[in-house]
Amino acid sequence: MLVVDDGSTDGTAEVVRAMAVRCPQVQLLRQRRTGEGRGGARGDARRAWRWRLFADADGATPIAELKRLEAALAAGADVAIGSRR
């Protein structure tokens, strides 16, 4: 898991660093505030991913909803898009 932090001030980077100590597969990429789109693109450029999930760290959309997106991808969808609504 790669977490791209674009200058947040809510403690996200510290939480990710602490998690990375216990789970080496978790990585943090920090950058200047450039917006989510550029942050995601920079993260994608680091390696080839099977799946890419863009989500805000504030938990506005529960991570448990990922199962619904996974089901669509497993059924053959090229793209699965979720929404809070």
PDB file of N, CA and C in Angstrom:
ATOM      1  N   MET A   1       0.845  -1.164   0.000  1.00  0.00           N
ATOM      2  CA  MET A   1       0.000   0.000   0.000  1.00  0.00           C
ATOM      3  C   MET A   1       0.891   1.228   0.000  1.00  0.00           C
ATOM      4  N   LEU A   2       0.601   2.138  -0.891  1.00  0.00           N
ATOM      5  CA  LEU A   2       1.304   3.407  -0.959  1.00  0.00           C
ATOM      6  C   LEU A   2       0.322   4.514  -0.606  1.00  0.00           C
ATOM      7  N   VAL A   3       0.650   5.281   0.421  1.00  0.00           N
ATOM      8  CA  VAL A   3      -0.168   6.421   0.812  1.00  0.00           C
ATOM      9  C   VAL A   3       0.554   7.678   0.347  1.00  0.00           C
ATOM     10  N   VAL A   4      -0.108   8.459  -0.492  1.00  0.00           N
ATOM     11  CA  VAL A   4       0.463   9.711  -0.974  1.00  0.00           C
ATOM     12  C   VAL A   4      -0.149  10.841  -0.154  1.00  0.00           C
ATOM     13  N   ASP A   5       0.694  11.563   0.566  1.00  0.00           N
ATOM     14  CA  ASP A   5       0.250  12.670   1.405  1.00  0.00           C
ATOM     15  C   ASP A   5       0.674  13.968   0.740  1.00  0.00           C
ATOM     16  N   ASP A   6      -0.301  14.802   0.424  1.00  0.00           N
ATOM     17  CA  ASP A   6       0.008  16.051  -0.287  1.00  0.00           C
ATOM     18  C   ASP A   6      -0.028  17.254   0.652  1.00  0.00           C
ATOM     19  N   GLY A   7       0.665  17.129   1.761  1.00  0.00           N
ATOM     20  CA  GLY A   7       0.789  18.256   2.678  1.00  0.00           C
ATOM     21  C   GLY A   7      -0.303  18.344   3.721  1.00  0.00           C
ATOM     22  N   SER A   8      -0.925  17.229   4.061  1.00  0.00           N
ATOM     23  CA  SER A   8      -2.003  17.272   5.049  1.00  0.00           C
ATOM     24  C   SER A   8      -1.463  17.735   6.400  1.00  0.00           C
ATOM     25  N   THR A   9      -2.342  18.295   7.200  1.00  0.00           N
ATOM     26  CA  THR A   9      -1.970  18.759   8.542  1.00  0.00           C
ATOM     27  C   THR A   9      -2.771  18.032   9.613  1.00  0.00           C
ATOM     28  N   ASP A  10      -3.420  16.933   9.236  1.00  0.00           N
ATOM     29  CA  ASP A  10      -4.306  16.226  10.163  1.00  0.00           C
ATOM     30  C   ASP A  10      -3.653  15.019  10.841  1.00  0.00           C
ATOM     31  N   GLY A  11      -2.346  14.818  10.648  1.00  0.00           N
ATOM     32  CA  GLY A  11      -1.669  13.691  11.284  1.00  0.00           C
ATOM     33  C   GLY A  11      -1.638  12.426  10.451  1.00  0.00           C
ATOM     34  N   THR A  12      -2.143  12.482   9.235  1.00  0.00           N
ATOM     35  CA  THR A  12      -2.161  11.295   8.371  1.00  0.00           C
ATOM     36  C   THR A  12      -0.765  10.702   8.208  1.00  0.00           C
ATOM     37  N   ALA A  13       0.227  11.536   7.903  1.00  0.00           N
ATOM     38  CA  ALA A  13       1.585  11.037   7.665  1.00  0.00           C
ATOM     39  C   ALA A  13       2.132  10.311   8.892  1.00  0.00           C
ATOM     40  N   GLU A  14       1.872  10.834  10.075  1.00  0.00           N
ATOM     41  CA  GLU A  14       2.362  10.201  11.300  1.00  0.00           C
ATOM     42  C   GLU A  14       1.707   8.839  11.513  1.00  0.00           C
ATOM     43  N   VAL A  15       0.415   8.741  11.227  1.00  0.00           N
ATOM     44  CA  VAL A  15      -0.291   7.462  11.359  1.00  0.00           C
ATOM     45  C   VAL A  15       0.283   6.440  10.390  1.00  0.00           C
ATOM     46  N   VAL A  16       0.531   6.857   9.156  1.00  0.00           N
ATOM     47  CA  VAL A  16       1.076   5.948   8.147  1.00  0.00           C
ATOM     48  C   VAL A  16       2.482   5.511   8.531  1.00  0.00           C
ATOM     49  N   ARG A  17       3.306   6.435   9.010  1.00  0.00           N
ATOM     50  CA  ARG A  17       4.665   6.064   9.447  1.00  0.00           C
ATOM     51  C   ARG A  17       4.614   5.023  10.553  1.00  0.00           C
ATOM     52  N   ALA A  18       3.739   5.206  11.529  1.00  0.00           N
ATOM     53  CA  ALA A  18       3.617   4.249  12.633  1.00  0.00           C
ATOM     54  C   ALA A  18       3.155   2.885  12.114  1.00  0.00           C
ATOM     55  N   MET A  19       2.236   2.882  11.166  1.00  0.00           N
ATOM     56  CA  MET A  19       1.763   1.629  10.594  1.00  0.00           C
ATOM     57  C   MET A  19       2.879   0.938   9.813  1.00  0.00           C
ATOM     58  N   ALA A  20       3.691   1.703   9.117  1.00  0.00           N
ATOM     59  CA  ALA A  20       4.774   1.139   8.304  1.00  0.00           C
ATOM     60  C   ALA A  20       5.811   0.416   9.158  1.00  0.00           C
ATOM     61  N   VAL A  21       5.955   0.817  10.404  1.00  0.00           N
ATOM     62  CA  VAL A  21       6.882   0.122  11.304  1.00  0.00           C
ATOM     63  C   VAL A  21       6.411  -1.317  11.513  1.00  0.00           C
ATOM     64  N   ARG A  22       5.110  -1.502  11.645  1.00  0.00           N
ATOM     65  CA  ARG A  22       4.534  -2.841  11.866  1.00  0.00           C
ATOM     66  C   ARG A  22       4.272  -3.589  10.567  1.00  0.00           C
ATOM     67  N   CYS A  23       4.025  -2.856   9.497  1.00  0.00           N
ATOM     68  CA  CYS A  23       3.666  -3.463   8.208  1.00  0.00           C
ATOM     69  C   CYS A  23       4.559  -2.877   7.120  1.00  0.00           C
ATOM     70  N   PRO A  24       5.689  -3.522   6.816  1.00  0.00           N
ATOM     71  CA  PRO A  24       6.628  -2.957   5.852  1.00  0.00           C
ATOM     72  C   PRO A  24       6.059  -2.773   4.449  1.00  0.00           C
ATOM     73  N   GLN A  25       4.939  -3.415   4.132  1.00  0.00           N
ATOM     74  CA  GLN A  25       4.346  -3.239   2.804  1.00  0.00           C
ATOM     75  C   GLN A  25       3.614  -1.903   2.681  1.00  0.00           C
ATOM     76  N   VAL A  26       3.505  -1.161   3.771  1.00  0.00           N
ATOM     77  CA  VAL A  26       2.894   0.172   3.759  1.00  0.00           C
ATOM     78  C   VAL A  26       4.004   1.201   3.574  1.00  0.00           C
ATOM     79  N   GLN A  27       3.814   2.087   2.607  1.00  0.00           N
ATOM     80  CA  GLN A  27       4.811   3.121   2.324  1.00  0.00           C
ATOM     81  C   GLN A  27       4.138   4.483   2.284  1.00  0.00           C
ATOM     82  N   LEU A  28       4.895   5.485   2.659  1.00  0.00           N
ATOM     83  CA  LEU A  28       4.412   6.863   2.631  1.00  0.00           C
ATOM     84  C   LEU A  28       5.211   7.654   1.607  1.00  0.00           C
ATOM     85  N   LEU A  29       4.511   8.376   0.762  1.00  0.00           N
ATOM     86  CA  LEU A  29       5.133   9.287  -0.198  1.00  0.00           C
ATOM     87  C   LEU A  29       4.603  10.678   0.130  1.00  0.00           C
ATOM     88  N   ARG A  30       5.467  11.565   0.589  1.00  0.00           N
ATOM     89  CA  ARG A  30       5.059  12.931   0.920  1.00  0.00           C
ATOM     90  C   ARG A  30       5.443  13.857  -0.215  1.00  0.00           C
ATOM     91  N   GLN A  31       4.625  14.863  -0.436  1.00  0.00           N
ATOM     92  CA  GLN A  31       4.904  15.853  -1.473  1.00  0.00           C
ATOM     93  C   GLN A  31       4.272  17.177  -1.083  1.00  0.00           C
ATOM     94  N   ARG A  32       4.658  18.212  -1.793  1.00  0.00           N
ATOM     95  CA  ARG A  32       4.036  19.522  -1.576  1.00  0.00           C
ATOM     96  C   ARG A  32       2.549  19.424  -1.918  1.00  0.00           C
ATOM     97  N   ARG A  33       1.796  20.338  -1.387  1.00  0.00           N
ATOM     98  CA  ARG A  33       0.363  20.376  -1.686  1.00  0.00           C
ATOM     99  C   ARG A  33       0.175  20.690  -3.161  1.00  0.00           C
ATOM    100  N   THR A  34      -0.249  19.667  -3.911  1.00  0.00           N
ATOM    101  CA  THR A  34      -0.466  19.837  -5.347  1.00  0.00           C
ATOM    102  C   THR A  34      -1.828  19.327  -5.766  1.00  0.00           C
ATOM    103  N   GLY A  35      -2.554  18.742  -4.853  1.00  0.00           N
ATOM    104  CA  GLY A  35      -3.869  18.207  -5.175  1.00  0.00           C
ATOM    105  C   GLY A  35      -3.844  16.700  -5.333  1.00  0.00           C
ATOM    106  N   GLU A  36      -4.996  16.101  -5.124  1.00  0.00           N
ATOM    107  CA  GLU A  36      -5.093  14.647  -5.135  1.00  0.00           C
ATOM    108  C   GLU A  36      -4.740  14.026  -6.475  1.00  0.00           C
ATOM    109  N   GLY A  37      -5.161  14.644  -7.555  1.00  0.00           N
ATOM    110  CA  GLY A  37      -4.896  14.075  -8.879  1.00  0.00           C
ATOM    111  C   GLY A  37      -3.413  13.924  -9.147  1.00  0.00           C
ATOM    112  N   ARG A  38      -2.661  14.959  -8.882  1.00  0.00           N
ATOM    113  CA  ARG A  38      -1.211  14.894  -9.113  1.00  0.00           C
ATOM    114  C   ARG A  38      -0.556  13.927  -8.135  1.00  0.00           C
ATOM    115  N   GLY A  39      -1.021  13.906  -6.906  1.00  0.00           N
ATOM    116  CA  GLY A  39      -0.470  12.963  -5.924  1.00  0.00           C
ATOM    117  C   GLY A  39      -0.687  11.521  -6.344  1.00  0.00           C
ATOM    118  N   GLY A  40      -1.870  11.242  -6.827  1.00  0.00           N
ATOM    119  CA  GLY A  40      -2.159   9.887  -7.297  1.00  0.00           C
ATOM    120  C   GLY A  40      -1.325   9.506  -8.497  1.00  0.00           C
ATOM    121  N   ALA A  41      -1.154  10.447  -9.416  1.00  0.00           N
ATOM    122  CA  ALA A  41      -0.335  10.174 -10.599  1.00  0.00           C
ATOM    123  C   ALA A  41       1.111   9.922 -10.205  1.00  0.00           C
ATOM    124  N   ARG A  42       1.612  10.672  -9.254  1.00  0.00           N
ATOM    125  CA  ARG A  42       2.991  10.469  -8.803  1.00  0.00           C
ATOM    126  C   ARG A  42       3.131   9.098  -8.142  1.00  0.00           C
ATOM    127  N   GLY A  43       2.144   8.710  -7.360  1.00  0.00           N
ATOM    128  CA  GLY A  43       2.177   7.384  -6.745  1.00  0.00           C
ATOM    129  C   GLY A  43       2.129   6.282  -7.777  1.00  0.00           C
ATOM    130  N   ASP A  44       1.300   6.454  -8.805  1.00  0.00           N
ATOM    131  CA  ASP A  44       1.197   5.455  -9.865  1.00  0.00           C
ATOM    132  C   ASP A  44       2.505   5.298 -10.620  1.00  0.00           C
ATOM    133  N   ALA A  45       3.228   6.382 -10.787  1.00  0.00           N
ATOM    134  CA  ALA A  45       4.471   6.343 -11.559  1.00  0.00           C
ATOM    135  C   ALA A  45       5.553   5.526 -10.863  1.00  0.00           C
ATOM    136  N   ARG A  46       5.401   5.292  -9.571  1.00  0.00           N
ATOM    137  CA  ARG A  46       6.434   4.565  -8.832  1.00  0.00           C
ATOM    138  C   ARG A  46       6.455   3.080  -9.134  1.00  0.00           C
ATOM    139  N   ARG A  47       5.329   2.514  -9.502  1.00  0.00           N
ATOM    140  CA  ARG A  47       5.299   1.080  -9.808  1.00  0.00           C
ATOM    141  C   ARG A  47       4.030   0.722 -10.554  1.00  0.00           C
ATOM    142  N   ALA A  48       4.036  -0.456 -11.113  1.00  0.00           N
ATOM    143  CA  ALA A  48       2.836  -0.949 -11.812  1.00  0.00           C
ATOM    144  C   ALA A  48       1.918  -1.578 -10.766  1.00  0.00           C
ATOM    145  N   TRP A  49       0.704  -1.115 -10.718  1.00  0.00           N
ATOM    146  CA  TRP A  49      -0.267  -1.618  -9.745  1.00  0.00           C
ATOM    147  C   TRP A  49      -1.299  -2.468 -10.458  1.00  0.00           C
ATOM    148  N   ARG A  50      -1.724  -3.521  -9.808  1.00  0.00           N
ATOM    149  CA  ARG A  50      -2.827  -4.323 -10.344  1.00  0.00           C
ATOM    150  C   ARG A  50      -4.123  -3.526 -10.237  1.00  0.00           C
ATOM    151  N   TRP A  51      -4.347  -2.971  -9.063  1.00  0.00           N
ATOM    152  CA  TRP A  51      -5.523  -2.126  -8.818  1.00  0.00           C
ATOM    153  C   TRP A  51      -5.060  -0.830  -8.172  1.00  0.00           C
ATOM    154  N   ARG A  52      -5.798   0.245  -8.415  1.00  0.00           N
ATOM    155  CA  ARG A  52      -5.518   1.536  -7.796  1.00  0.00           C
ATOM    156  C   ARG A  52      -6.794   2.005  -7.100  1.00  0.00           C
ATOM    157  N   LEU A  53      -6.660   2.387  -5.865  1.00  0.00           N
ATOM    158  CA  LEU A  53      -7.791   2.915  -5.109  1.00  0.00           C
ATOM    159  C   LEU A  53      -7.435   4.317  -4.647  1.00  0.00           C
ATOM    160  N   PHE A  54      -8.277   5.272  -4.989  1.00  0.00           N
ATOM    161  CA  PHE A  54      -8.110   6.632  -4.512  1.00  0.00           C
ATOM    162  C   PHE A  54      -9.171   6.864  -3.450  1.00  0.00           C
ATOM    163  N   ALA A  55      -8.726   7.265  -2.263  1.00  0.00           N
ATOM    164  CA  ALA A  55      -9.658   7.538  -1.177  1.00  0.00           C
ATOM    165  C   ALA A  55      -9.047   8.586  -0.260  1.00  0.00           C
ATOM    166  N   ASP A  56      -9.884   9.412   0.324  1.00  0.00           N
ATOM    167  CA  ASP A  56      -9.411  10.373   1.309  1.00  0.00           C
ATOM    168  C   ASP A  56      -9.177   9.647   2.625  1.00  0.00           C
ATOM    169  N   ALA A  57      -8.189  10.105   3.362  1.00  0.00           N
ATOM    170  CA  ALA A  57      -7.839   9.461   4.628  1.00  0.00           C
ATOM    171  C   ALA A  57      -8.805   9.801   5.757  1.00  0.00           C
ATOM    172  N   ASP A  58      -9.739  10.716   5.518  1.00  0.00           N
ATOM    173  CA  ASP A  58     -10.653  11.114   6.594  1.00  0.00           C
ATOM    174  C   ASP A  58     -11.746  10.087   6.868  1.00  0.00           C
ATOM    175  N   GLY A  59     -11.803   9.035   6.075  1.00  0.00           N
ATOM    176  CA  GLY A  59     -12.783   7.974   6.330  1.00  0.00           C
ATOM    177  C   GLY A  59     -14.202   8.345   5.947  1.00  0.00           C
ATOM    178  N   ALA A  60     -14.382   9.376   5.134  1.00  0.00           N
ATOM    179  CA  ALA A  60     -15.734   9.797   4.747  1.00  0.00           C
ATOM    180  C   ALA A  60     -16.485   8.663   4.053  1.00  0.00           C
ATOM    181  N   THR A  61     -15.771   7.846   3.318  1.00  0.00           N
ATOM    182  CA  THR A  61     -16.346   6.640   2.723  1.00  0.00           C
ATOM    183  C   THR A  61     -15.697   5.453   3.417  1.00  0.00           C
ATOM    184  N   PRO A  62     -16.467   4.622   4.107  1.00  0.00           N
ATOM    185  CA  PRO A  62     -15.885   3.503   4.854  1.00  0.00           C
ATOM    186  C   PRO A  62     -15.102   2.553   3.945  1.00  0.00           C
ATOM    187  N   ILE A  63     -13.918   2.147   4.383  1.00  0.00           N
ATOM    188  CA  ILE A  63     -13.077   1.255   3.584  1.00  0.00           C
ATOM    189  C   ILE A  63     -13.776  -0.086   3.335  1.00  0.00           C
ATOM    190  N   ALA A  64     -14.731  -0.438   4.165  1.00  0.00           N
ATOM    191  CA  ALA A  64     -15.485  -1.682   3.961  1.00  0.00           C
ATOM    192  C   ALA A  64     -16.234  -1.675   2.623  1.00  0.00           C
ATOM    193  N   GLU A  65     -16.512  -0.483   2.098  1.00  0.00           N
ATOM    194  CA  GLU A  65     -17.187  -0.380   0.803  1.00  0.00           C
ATOM    195  C   GLU A  65     -16.308  -0.880  -0.342  1.00  0.00           C
ATOM    196  N   LEU A  66     -15.017  -1.047  -0.088  1.00  0.00           N
ATOM    197  CA  LEU A  66     -14.104  -1.571  -1.099  1.00  0.00           C
ATOM    198  C   LEU A  66     -14.578  -2.924  -1.621  1.00  0.00           C
ATOM    199  N   LYS A  67     -15.193  -3.715  -0.781  1.00  0.00           N
ATOM    200  CA  LYS A  67     -15.682  -5.036  -1.207  1.00  0.00           C
ATOM    201  C   LYS A  67     -16.630  -4.933  -2.400  1.00  0.00           C
ATOM    202  N   ARG A  68     -17.454  -3.894  -2.416  1.00  0.00           N
ATOM    203  CA  ARG A  68     -18.384  -3.716  -3.540  1.00  0.00           C
ATOM    204  C   ARG A  68     -17.631  -3.389  -4.824  1.00  0.00           C
ATOM    205  N   LEU A  69     -16.572  -2.590  -4.712  1.00  0.00           N
ATOM    206  CA  LEU A  69     -15.766  -2.281  -5.889  1.00  0.00           C
ATOM    207  C   LEU A  69     -15.003  -3.516  -6.361  1.00  0.00           C
ATOM    208  N   GLU A  70     -14.465  -4.285  -5.421  1.00  0.00           N
ATOM    209  CA  GLU A  70     -13.741  -5.513  -5.763  1.00  0.00           C
ATOM    210  C   GLU A  70     -14.640  -6.484  -6.521  1.00  0.00           C
ATOM    211  N   ALA A  71     -15.891  -6.597  -6.097  1.00  0.00           N
ATOM    212  CA  ALA A  71     -16.827  -7.503  -6.764  1.00  0.00           C
ATOM    213  C   ALA A  71     -17.028  -7.105  -8.223  1.00  0.00           C
ATOM    214  N   ALA A  72     -17.146  -5.818  -8.471  1.00  0.00           N
ATOM    215  CA  ALA A  72     -17.318  -5.351  -9.853  1.00  0.00           C
ATOM    216  C   ALA A  72     -16.083  -5.654 -10.695  1.00  0.00           C
ATOM    217  N   LEU A  73     -14.906  -5.446 -10.140  1.00  0.00           N
ATOM    218  CA  LEU A  73     -13.668  -5.722 -10.869  1.00  0.00           C
ATOM    219  C   LEU A  73     -13.498  -7.223 -11.111  1.00  0.00           C
ATOM    220  N   ALA A  74     -13.814  -8.029 -10.110  1.00  0.00           N
ATOM    221  CA  ALA A  74     -13.708  -9.484 -10.253  1.00  0.00           C
ATOM    222  C   ALA A  74     -14.671 -10.012 -11.310  1.00  0.00           C
ATOM    223  N   ALA A  75     -15.786  -9.293 -11.508  1.00  0.00           N
ATOM    224  CA  ALA A  75     -16.766  -9.705 -12.516  1.00  0.00           C
ATOM    225  C   ALA A  75     -16.379  -9.241 -13.917  1.00  0.00           C
ATOM    226  N   GLY A  76     -15.232  -8.541 -14.034  1.00  0.00           N
ATOM    227  CA  GLY A  76     -14.748  -8.165 -15.347  1.00  0.00           C
ATOM    228  C   GLY A  76     -14.792  -6.694 -15.696  1.00  0.00           C
ATOM    229  N   ALA A  77     -15.262  -5.859 -14.781  1.00  0.00           N
ATOM    230  CA  ALA A  77     -15.301  -4.425 -15.075  1.00  0.00           C
ATOM    231  C   ALA A  77     -13.881  -3.879 -15.204  1.00  0.00           C
ATOM    232  N   ASP A  78     -13.669  -2.966 -16.137  1.00  0.00           N
ATOM    233  CA  ASP A  78     -12.365  -2.320 -16.285  1.00  0.00           C
ATOM    234  C   ASP A  78     -12.169  -1.247 -15.239  1.00  0.00           C
ATOM    235  N   VAL A  79     -13.260  -0.618 -14.814  1.00  0.00           N
ATOM    236  CA  VAL A  79     -13.214   0.465 -13.849  1.00  0.00           C
ATOM    237  C   VAL A  79     -14.413   0.318 -12.915  1.00  0.00           C
ATOM    238  N   ALA A  80     -14.190   0.590 -11.631  1.00  0.00           N
ATOM    239  CA  ALA A  80     -15.287   0.627 -10.659  1.00  0.00           C
ATOM    240  C   ALA A  80     -15.177   1.949  -9.901  1.00  0.00           C
ATOM    241  N   ILE A  81     -16.254   2.705  -9.856  1.00  0.00           N
ATOM    242  CA  ILE A  81     -16.257   4.011  -9.229  1.00  0.00           C
ATOM    243  C   ILE A  81     -17.291   4.019  -8.128  1.00  0.00           C
ATOM    244  N   GLY A  82     -16.850   4.406  -6.943  1.00  0.00           N
ATOM    245  CA  GLY A  82     -17.762   4.520  -5.800  1.00  0.00           C
ATOM    246  C   GLY A  82     -18.048   5.984  -5.504  1.00  0.00           C
ATOM    247  N   SER A  83     -19.100   6.210  -4.753  1.00  0.00           N
ATOM    248  CA  SER A  83     -19.472   7.562  -4.383  1.00  0.00           C
ATOM    249  C   SER A  83     -20.065   7.543  -2.982  1.00  0.00           C
ATOM    250  N   ARG A  84     -19.907   8.630  -2.251  1.00  0.00           N
ATOM    251  CA  ARG A  84     -20.534   8.742  -0.931  1.00  0.00           C
ATOM    252  C   ARG A  84     -22.047   8.715  -1.036  1.00  0.00           C
ATOM    253  N   ARG A  85     -22.550   9.108  -2.175  1.00  0.00           N
ATOM    254  CA  ARG A  85     -23.991   9.188  -2.362  1.00  0.00           C
ATOM    255  C   ARG A  85     -24.496   7.846  -2.780  1.00  0.00           C
TER     256      ARG A  85
END
